[in-house]
PDB file of all heavy atoms in Angstrom:
ATOM      1  N   GLY A   1      55.346  12.076 123.231  1.00  0.00           N
ATOM      2  CA  GLY A   1      55.708  11.286 122.058  1.00  0.00           C
ATOM      3  C   GLY A   1      55.165  11.847 120.952  1.00  0.00           C
ATOM      4  O   GLY A   1      54.456  12.835 120.820  1.00  0.00           O
ATOM      5  N   LYS A   2      55.579  11.380 119.709  1.00  0.00           N
ATOM      6  CA  LYS A   2      55.101  11.925 118.399  1.00  0.00           C
ATOM      7  C   LYS A   2      55.398  10.945 117.359  1.00  0.00           C
ATOM      8  O   LYS A   2      56.271  10.097 117.431  1.00  0.00           O
ATOM      9  CB  LYS A   2      55.752  13.255 118.087  1.00  0.00           C
ATOM     10  CG  LYS A   2      57.238  13.198 117.884  1.00  0.00           C
ATOM     11  CD  LYS A   2      57.778  14.607 117.573  1.00  0.00           C
ATOM     12  CE  LYS A   2      59.373  14.452 117.300  1.00  0.00           C
ATOM     13  NZ  LYS A   2      60.021  15.772 116.976  1.00  0.00           N
ATOM     14  N   ASN A   3      54.724  11.131 116.186  1.00  0.00           N
ATOM     15  CA  ASN A   3      54.889  10.537 114.887  1.00  0.00           C
ATOM     16  C   ASN A   3      54.731  11.419 113.749  1.00  0.00           C
ATOM     17  O   ASN A   3      54.621  12.642 114.095  1.00  0.00           O
ATOM     18  CB  ASN A   3      54.147   9.131 114.800  1.00  0.00           C
ATOM     19  CG  ASN A   3      52.685   9.420 114.819  1.00  0.00           C
ATOM     20  OD1 ASN A   3      52.201  10.571 114.291  1.00  0.00           O
ATOM     21  ND2 ASN A   3      51.852   8.585 115.353  1.00  0.00           N
ATOM     22  N   LYS A   4      54.751  11.094 112.528  1.00  0.00           N
ATOM     23  CA  LYS A   4      54.718  11.984 111.453  1.00  0.00           C
ATOM     24  C   LYS A   4      53.303  12.590 111.401  1.00  0.00           C
ATOM     25  O   LYS A   4      53.145  13.577 110.578  1.00  0.00           O
ATOM     26  CB  LYS A   4      55.086  11.277 110.198  1.00  0.00           C
ATOM     27  CG  LYS A   4      54.169  10.146 109.754  1.00  0.00           C
ATOM     28  CD  LYS A   4      54.718   9.577 108.469  1.00  0.00           C
ATOM     29  CE  LYS A   4      53.745   8.463 107.959  1.00  0.00           C
ATOM     30  NZ  LYS A   4      54.277   7.884 106.659  1.00  0.00           N
ATOM     31  N   HIS A   5      52.337  12.000 112.133  1.00  0.00           N
ATOM     32  CA  HIS A   5      50.982  12.434 111.876  1.00  0.00           C
ATOM     33  C   HIS A   5      50.545  13.349 113.037  1.00  0.00           C
ATOM     34  O   HIS A   5      49.702  14.336 112.761  1.00  0.00           O
ATOM     35  CB  HIS A   5      49.965  11.370 111.810  1.00  0.00           C
ATOM     36  CG  HIS A   5      50.294  10.387 110.762  1.00  0.00           C
ATOM     37  ND1 HIS A   5      50.141  10.804 109.479  1.00  0.00           N
ATOM     38  CD2 HIS A   5      50.724   9.048 110.751  1.00  0.00           C
ATOM     39  CE1 HIS A   5      50.418   9.686 108.599  1.00  0.00           C
ATOM     40  NE2 HIS A   5      50.752   8.688 109.461  1.00  0.00           N
ATOM     41  N   TYR A   6      51.049  13.198 114.246  1.00  0.00           N
ATOM     42  CA  TYR A   6      50.477  13.863 115.437  1.00  0.00           C
ATOM     43  C   TYR A   6      51.584  13.897 116.551  1.00  0.00           C
ATOM     44  O   TYR A   6      52.415  13.125 116.501  1.00  0.00           O
ATOM     45  CB  TYR A   6      49.179  13.460 115.893  1.00  0.00           C
ATOM     46  CG  TYR A   6      49.033  11.974 116.164  1.00  0.00           C
ATOM     47  CD1 TYR A   6      49.600  11.430 117.247  1.00  0.00           C
ATOM     48  CD2 TYR A   6      48.326  11.168 115.219  1.00  0.00           C
ATOM     49  CE1 TYR A   6      49.440  10.117 117.457  1.00  0.00           C
ATOM     50  CE2 TYR A   6      48.200   9.797 115.562  1.00  0.00           C
ATOM     51  CZ  TYR A   6      48.867   9.267 116.640  1.00  0.00           C
ATOM     52  OH  TYR A   6      48.730   7.929 116.793  1.00  0.00           O
ATOM     53  N   ILE A   7      51.362  14.814 117.553  1.00  0.00           N
ATOM     54  CA  ILE A   7      51.910  14.719 118.759  1.00  0.00           C
ATOM     55  C   ILE A   7      51.159  14.177 119.875  1.00  0.00           C
ATOM     56  O   ILE A   7      49.990  14.497 119.937  1.00  0.00           O
ATOM     57  CB  ILE A   7      52.436  16.226 119.159  1.00  0.00           C
ATOM     58  CG1 ILE A   7      53.414  16.605 118.130  1.00  0.00           C
ATOM     59  CG2 ILE A   7      52.982  16.272 120.519  1.00  0.00           C
ATOM     60  CD1 ILE A   7      53.842  18.195 118.325  1.00  0.00           C
ATOM     61  N   ILE A   8      51.743  13.411 120.828  1.00  0.00           N
ATOM     62  CA  ILE A   8      51.067  12.837 121.879  1.00  0.00           C
ATOM     63  C   ILE A   8      51.345  13.686 123.129  1.00  0.00           C
ATOM     64  O   ILE A   8      52.547  13.848 123.441  1.00  0.00           O
ATOM     65  CB  ILE A   8      51.488  11.390 122.165  1.00  0.00           C
ATOM     66  CG1 ILE A   8      51.249  10.524 120.864  1.00  0.00           C
ATOM     67  CG2 ILE A   8      50.561  10.770 123.234  1.00  0.00           C
ATOM     68  CD1 ILE A   8      52.009   9.309 120.866  1.00  0.00           C
ATOM     69  N   VAL A   9      50.348  14.151 123.828  1.00  0.00           N
ATOM     70  CA  VAL A   9      50.566  14.896 125.030  1.00  0.00           C
ATOM     71  C   VAL A   9      49.829  14.421 126.144  1.00  0.00           C
ATOM     72  O   VAL A   9      48.756  13.698 126.052  1.00  0.00           O
ATOM     73  CB  VAL A   9      50.128  16.370 124.750  1.00  0.00           C
ATOM     74  CG1 VAL A   9      50.868  16.987 123.710  1.00  0.00           C
ATOM     75  CG2 VAL A   9      48.612  16.594 124.604  1.00  0.00           C
ATOM     76  N   GLU A  10      50.228  14.647 127.451  1.00  0.00           N
ATOM     77  CA  GLU A  10      49.582  14.227 128.630  1.00  0.00           C
ATOM     78  C   GLU A  10      49.108  15.460 129.362  1.00  0.00           C
ATOM     79  O   GLU A  10      49.857  16.474 129.559  1.00  0.00           O
ATOM     80  CB  GLU A  10      50.508  13.412 129.456  1.00  0.00           C
ATOM     81  CG  GLU A  10      49.822  12.696 130.599  1.00  0.00           C
ATOM     82  CD  GLU A  10      50.781  11.640 131.268  1.00  0.00           C
ATOM     83  OE1 GLU A  10      51.803  11.968 131.967  1.00  0.00           O
ATOM     84  OE2 GLU A  10      50.595  10.464 130.996  1.00  0.00           O
ATOM     85  N   LEU A  11      47.820  15.493 129.678  1.00  0.00           N
ATOM     86  CA  LEU A  11      47.254  16.583 130.392  1.00  0.00           C
ATOM     87  C   LEU A  11      48.028  16.673 131.815  1.00  0.00           C
ATOM     88  O   LEU A  11      48.142  15.637 132.496  1.00  0.00           O
ATOM     89  CB  LEU A  11      45.873  16.476 130.593  1.00  0.00           C
ATOM     90  CG  LEU A  11      44.941  16.433 129.325  1.00  0.00           C
ATOM     91  CD1 LEU A  11      43.546  16.124 129.613  1.00  0.00           C
ATOM     92  CD2 LEU A  11      45.224  17.731 128.475  1.00  0.00           C
ATOM     93  N   GLN A  12      48.259  17.909 132.276  1.00  0.00           N
ATOM     94  CA  GLN A  12      48.998  18.111 133.585  1.00  0.00           C
ATOM     95  C   GLN A  12      48.122  18.861 134.567  1.00  0.00           C
ATOM     96  O   GLN A  12      47.342  19.786 134.189  1.00  0.00           O
ATOM     97  CB  GLN A  12      50.242  18.911 133.270  1.00  0.00           C
ATOM     98  CG  GLN A  12      51.259  18.365 132.388  1.00  0.00           C
ATOM     99  CD  GLN A  12      51.915  17.107 132.861  1.00  0.00           C
ATOM    100  OE1 GLN A  12      52.599  17.112 133.911  1.00  0.00           O
ATOM    101  NE2 GLN A  12      51.580  15.945 132.270  1.00  0.00           N
ATOM    102  N   GLY A  13      48.232  18.508 135.812  1.00  0.00           N
ATOM    103  CA  GLY A  13      47.694  19.123 136.844  1.00  0.00           C
ATOM    104  C   GLY A  13      46.113  19.164 136.725  1.00  0.00           C
ATOM    105  O   GLY A  13      45.381  18.096 136.439  1.00  0.00           O
ATOM    106  N   GLU A  14      45.547  20.337 136.806  1.00  0.00           N
ATOM    107  CA  GLU A  14      43.974  20.520 136.736  1.00  0.00           C
ATOM    108  C   GLU A  14      43.579  20.743 135.240  1.00  0.00           C
ATOM    109  O   GLU A  14      42.253  20.931 135.051  1.00  0.00           O
ATOM    110  CB  GLU A  14      43.635  21.550 137.675  1.00  0.00           C
ATOM    111  CG  GLU A  14      43.776  21.453 139.121  1.00  0.00           C
ATOM    112  CD  GLU A  14      43.133  20.231 139.695  1.00  0.00           C
ATOM    113  OE1 GLU A  14      42.042  19.996 139.269  1.00  0.00           O
ATOM    114  OE2 GLU A  14      43.823  19.497 140.377  1.00  0.00           O
ATOM    115  N   ALA A  15      44.447  20.851 134.401  1.00  0.00           N
ATOM    116  CA  ALA A  15      44.147  21.157 132.952  1.00  0.00           C
ATOM    117  C   ALA A  15      43.211  20.152 132.347  1.00  0.00           C
ATOM    118  O   ALA A  15      43.312  18.912 132.563  1.00  0.00           O
ATOM    119  CB  ALA A  15      45.414  21.268 132.051  1.00  0.00           C
ATOM    120  N   ASP A  16      42.261  20.490 131.582  1.00  0.00           N
ATOM    121  CA  ASP A  16      41.320  19.664 130.914  1.00  0.00           C
ATOM    122  C   ASP A  16      41.476  20.014 129.412  1.00  0.00           C
ATOM    123  O   ASP A  16      42.080  20.984 129.046  1.00  0.00           O
ATOM    124  CB  ASP A  16      39.916  19.664 131.343  1.00  0.00           C
ATOM    125  CG  ASP A  16      39.164  21.010 131.253  1.00  0.00           C
ATOM    126  OD1 ASP A  16      39.633  21.795 130.386  1.00  0.00           O
ATOM    127  OD2 ASP A  16      38.280  21.245 131.989  1.00  0.00           O
ATOM    128  N   GLN A  17      40.801  19.094 128.562  1.00  0.00           N
ATOM    129  CA  GLN A  17      40.986  19.234 127.135  1.00  0.00           C
ATOM    130  C   GLN A  17      40.420  20.661 126.609  1.00  0.00           C
ATOM    131  O   GLN A  17      40.911  21.216 125.666  1.00  0.00           O
ATOM    132  CB  GLN A  17      40.363  18.163 126.347  1.00  0.00           C
ATOM    133  CG  GLN A  17      38.804  18.036 126.578  1.00  0.00           C
ATOM    134  CD  GLN A  17      38.383  16.748 125.849  1.00  0.00           C
ATOM    135  OE1 GLN A  17      39.185  16.059 125.178  1.00  0.00           O
ATOM    136  NE2 GLN A  17      37.065  16.627 125.860  1.00  0.00           N
ATOM    137  N   TRP A  18      39.353  21.127 127.274  1.00  0.00           N
ATOM    138  CA  TRP A  18      38.701  22.380 126.832  1.00  0.00           C
ATOM    139  C   TRP A  18      39.648  23.604 127.075  1.00  0.00           C
ATOM    140  O   TRP A  18      39.797  24.461 126.282  1.00  0.00           O
ATOM    141  CB  TRP A  18      37.399  22.580 127.510  1.00  0.00           C
ATOM    142  CG  TRP A  18      36.491  21.378 127.375  1.00  0.00           C
ATOM    143  CD1 TRP A  18      36.053  20.584 128.359  1.00  0.00           C
ATOM    144  CD2 TRP A  18      36.000  20.871 126.033  1.00  0.00           C
ATOM    145  NE1 TRP A  18      35.256  19.535 127.784  1.00  0.00           N
ATOM    146  CE2 TRP A  18      35.291  19.744 126.462  1.00  0.00           C
ATOM    147  CE3 TRP A  18      36.096  21.259 124.814  1.00  0.00           C
ATOM    148  CZ2 TRP A  18      34.661  18.905 125.553  1.00  0.00           C
ATOM    149  CZ3 TRP A  18      35.486  20.477 123.880  1.00  0.00           C
ATOM    150  CH2 TRP A  18      34.833  19.263 124.172  1.00  0.00           C
ATOM    151  N   HIS A  19      40.265  23.541 128.231  1.00  0.00           N
ATOM    152  CA  HIS A  19      41.290  24.633 128.543  1.00  0.00           C
ATOM    153  C   HIS A  19      42.417  24.627 127.539  1.00  0.00           C
ATOM    154  O   HIS A  19      42.918  25.714 126.944  1.00  0.00           O
ATOM    155  CB  HIS A  19      41.752  24.439 129.960  1.00  0.00           C
ATOM    156  CG  HIS A  19      42.964  25.419 130.309  1.00  0.00           C
ATOM    157  ND1 HIS A  19      42.817  26.740 130.525  1.00  0.00           N
ATOM    158  CD2 HIS A  19      44.286  25.059 130.358  1.00  0.00           C
ATOM    159  CE1 HIS A  19      43.950  27.251 130.769  1.00  0.00           C
ATOM    160  NE2 HIS A  19      44.914  26.283 130.663  1.00  0.00           N
ATOM    161  N   VAL A  20      42.922  23.334 127.153  1.00  0.00           N
ATOM    162  CA  VAL A  20      44.043  23.284 126.275  1.00  0.00           C
ATOM    163  C   VAL A  20      43.627  23.744 124.926  1.00  0.00           C
ATOM    164  O   VAL A  20      44.391  24.427 124.133  1.00  0.00           O
ATOM    165  CB  VAL A  20      44.489  21.732 126.221  1.00  0.00           C
ATOM    166  CG1 VAL A  20      45.552  21.577 125.064  1.00  0.00           C
ATOM    167  CG2 VAL A  20      45.184  21.293 127.550  1.00  0.00           C
ATOM    168  N   LEU A  21      42.433  23.421 124.459  1.00  0.00           N
ATOM    169  CA  LEU A  21      41.922  23.848 123.231  1.00  0.00           C
ATOM    170  C   LEU A  21      41.858  25.403 123.141  1.00  0.00           C
ATOM    171  O   LEU A  21      42.148  25.946 122.064  1.00  0.00           O
ATOM    172  CB  LEU A  21      40.566  23.238 122.889  1.00  0.00           C
ATOM    173  CG  LEU A  21      40.451  21.811 122.326  1.00  0.00           C
ATOM    174  CD1 LEU A  21      38.979  21.284 122.434  1.00  0.00           C
ATOM    175  CD2 LEU A  21      41.004  21.774 120.868  1.00  0.00           C
ATOM    176  N   GLU A  22      41.430  26.078 124.234  1.00  0.00           N
ATOM    177  CA  GLU A  22      41.403  27.457 124.235  1.00  0.00           C
ATOM    178  C   GLU A  22      42.751  27.966 124.155  1.00  0.00           C
ATOM    179  O   GLU A  22      42.991  29.181 123.459  1.00  0.00           O
ATOM    180  CB  GLU A  22      40.786  27.905 125.587  1.00  0.00           C
ATOM    181  CG  GLU A  22      40.673  29.443 125.660  1.00  0.00           C
ATOM    182  CD  GLU A  22      39.914  30.149 124.634  1.00  0.00           C
ATOM    183  OE1 GLU A  22      38.993  29.466 124.004  1.00  0.00           O
ATOM    184  OE2 GLU A  22      40.101  31.353 124.446  1.00  0.00           O
ATOM    185  N   GLU A  23      43.735  27.424 124.851  1.00  0.00           N
ATOM    186  CA  GLU A  23      45.050  27.985 124.790  1.00  0.00           C
ATOM    187  C   GLU A  23      45.682  27.729 123.350  1.00  0.00           C
ATOM    188  O   GLU A  23      46.424  28.635 122.889  1.00  0.00           O
ATOM    189  CB  GLU A  23      46.015  27.176 125.792  1.00  0.00           C
ATOM    190  CG  GLU A  23      45.610  27.460 127.298  1.00  0.00           C
ATOM    191  CD  GLU A  23      45.701  28.943 127.570  1.00  0.00           C
ATOM    192  OE1 GLU A  23      46.781  29.569 127.286  1.00  0.00           O
ATOM    193  OE2 GLU A  23      44.787  29.569 128.091  1.00  0.00           O
ATOM    194  N   LEU A  24      45.377  26.739 122.791  1.00  0.00           N
ATOM    195  CA  LEU A  24      45.737  26.496 121.278  1.00  0.00           C
ATOM    196  C   LEU A  24      45.208  27.519 120.457  1.00  0.00           C
ATOM    197  O   LEU A  24      45.998  28.070 119.551  1.00  0.00           O
ATOM    198  CB  LEU A  24      45.383  25.060 120.800  1.00  0.00           C
ATOM    199  CG  LEU A  24      46.146  23.855 121.503  1.00  0.00           C
ATOM    200  CD1 LEU A  24      45.493  22.526 121.060  1.00  0.00           C
ATOM    201  CD2 LEU A  24      47.540  23.814 121.279  1.00  0.00           C
ATOM    202  N   ARG A  25      43.965  27.883 120.638  1.00  0.00           N
ATOM    203  CA  ARG A  25      43.345  28.963 119.773  1.00  0.00           C
ATOM    204  C   ARG A  25      44.145  30.301 119.998  1.00  0.00           C
ATOM    205  O   ARG A  25      44.369  30.998 119.016  1.00  0.00           O
ATOM    206  CB  ARG A  25      41.854  29.051 120.209  1.00  0.00           C
ATOM    207  CG  ARG A  25      41.108  30.061 119.322  1.00  0.00           C
ATOM    208  CD  ARG A  25      39.668  30.304 119.973  1.00  0.00           C
ATOM    209  NE  ARG A  25      39.853  31.135 121.173  1.00  0.00           N
ATOM    210  CZ  ARG A  25      39.965  32.351 121.310  1.00  0.00           C
ATOM    211  NH1 ARG A  25      40.143  33.102 120.121  1.00  0.00           N
ATOM    212  NH2 ARG A  25      40.092  32.924 122.457  1.00  0.00           N
ATOM    213  N   LYS A  26      44.415  30.599 121.220  1.00  0.00           N
ATOM    214  CA  LYS A  26      45.089  31.894 121.548  1.00  0.00           C
ATOM    215  C   LYS A  26      46.557  31.947 120.795  1.00  0.00           C
ATOM    216  O   LYS A  26      47.050  32.990 120.475  1.00  0.00           O
ATOM    217  CB  LYS A  26      45.282  32.030 122.990  1.00  0.00           C
ATOM    218  CG  LYS A  26      43.983  32.290 123.811  1.00  0.00           C
ATOM    219  CD  LYS A  26      44.333  32.402 125.311  1.00  0.00           C
ATOM    220  CE  LYS A  26      43.070  32.524 126.125  1.00  0.00           C
ATOM    221  NZ  LYS A  26      43.264  32.590 127.615  1.00  0.00           N
ATOM    222  N   LEU A  27      47.078  30.774 120.587  1.00  0.00           N
ATOM    223  CA  LEU A  27      48.306  30.739 119.840  1.00  0.00           C
ATOM    224  C   LEU A  27      48.214  30.722 118.502  1.00  0.00           C
ATOM    225  O   LEU A  27      49.177  30.491 117.705  1.00  0.00           O
ATOM    226  CB  LEU A  27      49.138  29.441 120.303  1.00  0.00           C
ATOM    227  CG  LEU A  27      49.647  29.469 121.782  1.00  0.00           C
ATOM    228  CD1 LEU A  27      50.103  28.003 122.194  1.00  0.00           C
ATOM    229  CD2 LEU A  27      50.724  30.515 121.919  1.00  0.00           C
ATOM    230  N   ASN A  28      47.037  30.892 117.958  1.00  0.00           N
ATOM    231  CA  ASN A  28      46.599  30.838 116.486  1.00  0.00           C
ATOM    232  C   ASN A  28      47.109  29.555 115.793  1.00  0.00           C
ATOM    233  O   ASN A  28      47.496  29.515 114.627  1.00  0.00           O
ATOM    234  CB  ASN A  28      47.321  32.060 115.784  1.00  0.00           C
ATOM    235  CG  ASN A  28      46.833  33.305 116.224  1.00  0.00           C
ATOM    236  OD1 ASN A  28      45.591  33.482 116.371  1.00  0.00           O
ATOM    237  ND2 ASN A  28      47.636  34.326 116.500  1.00  0.00           N
TER     238      ASN A  28
END
């Protein structure tokens, strides 16, 4: 989901928020 302020995501598989944050950093 999304609205004008943010995107809503659901963590998949074994992913945790710290892994996701690191991947976001890699994408600049």
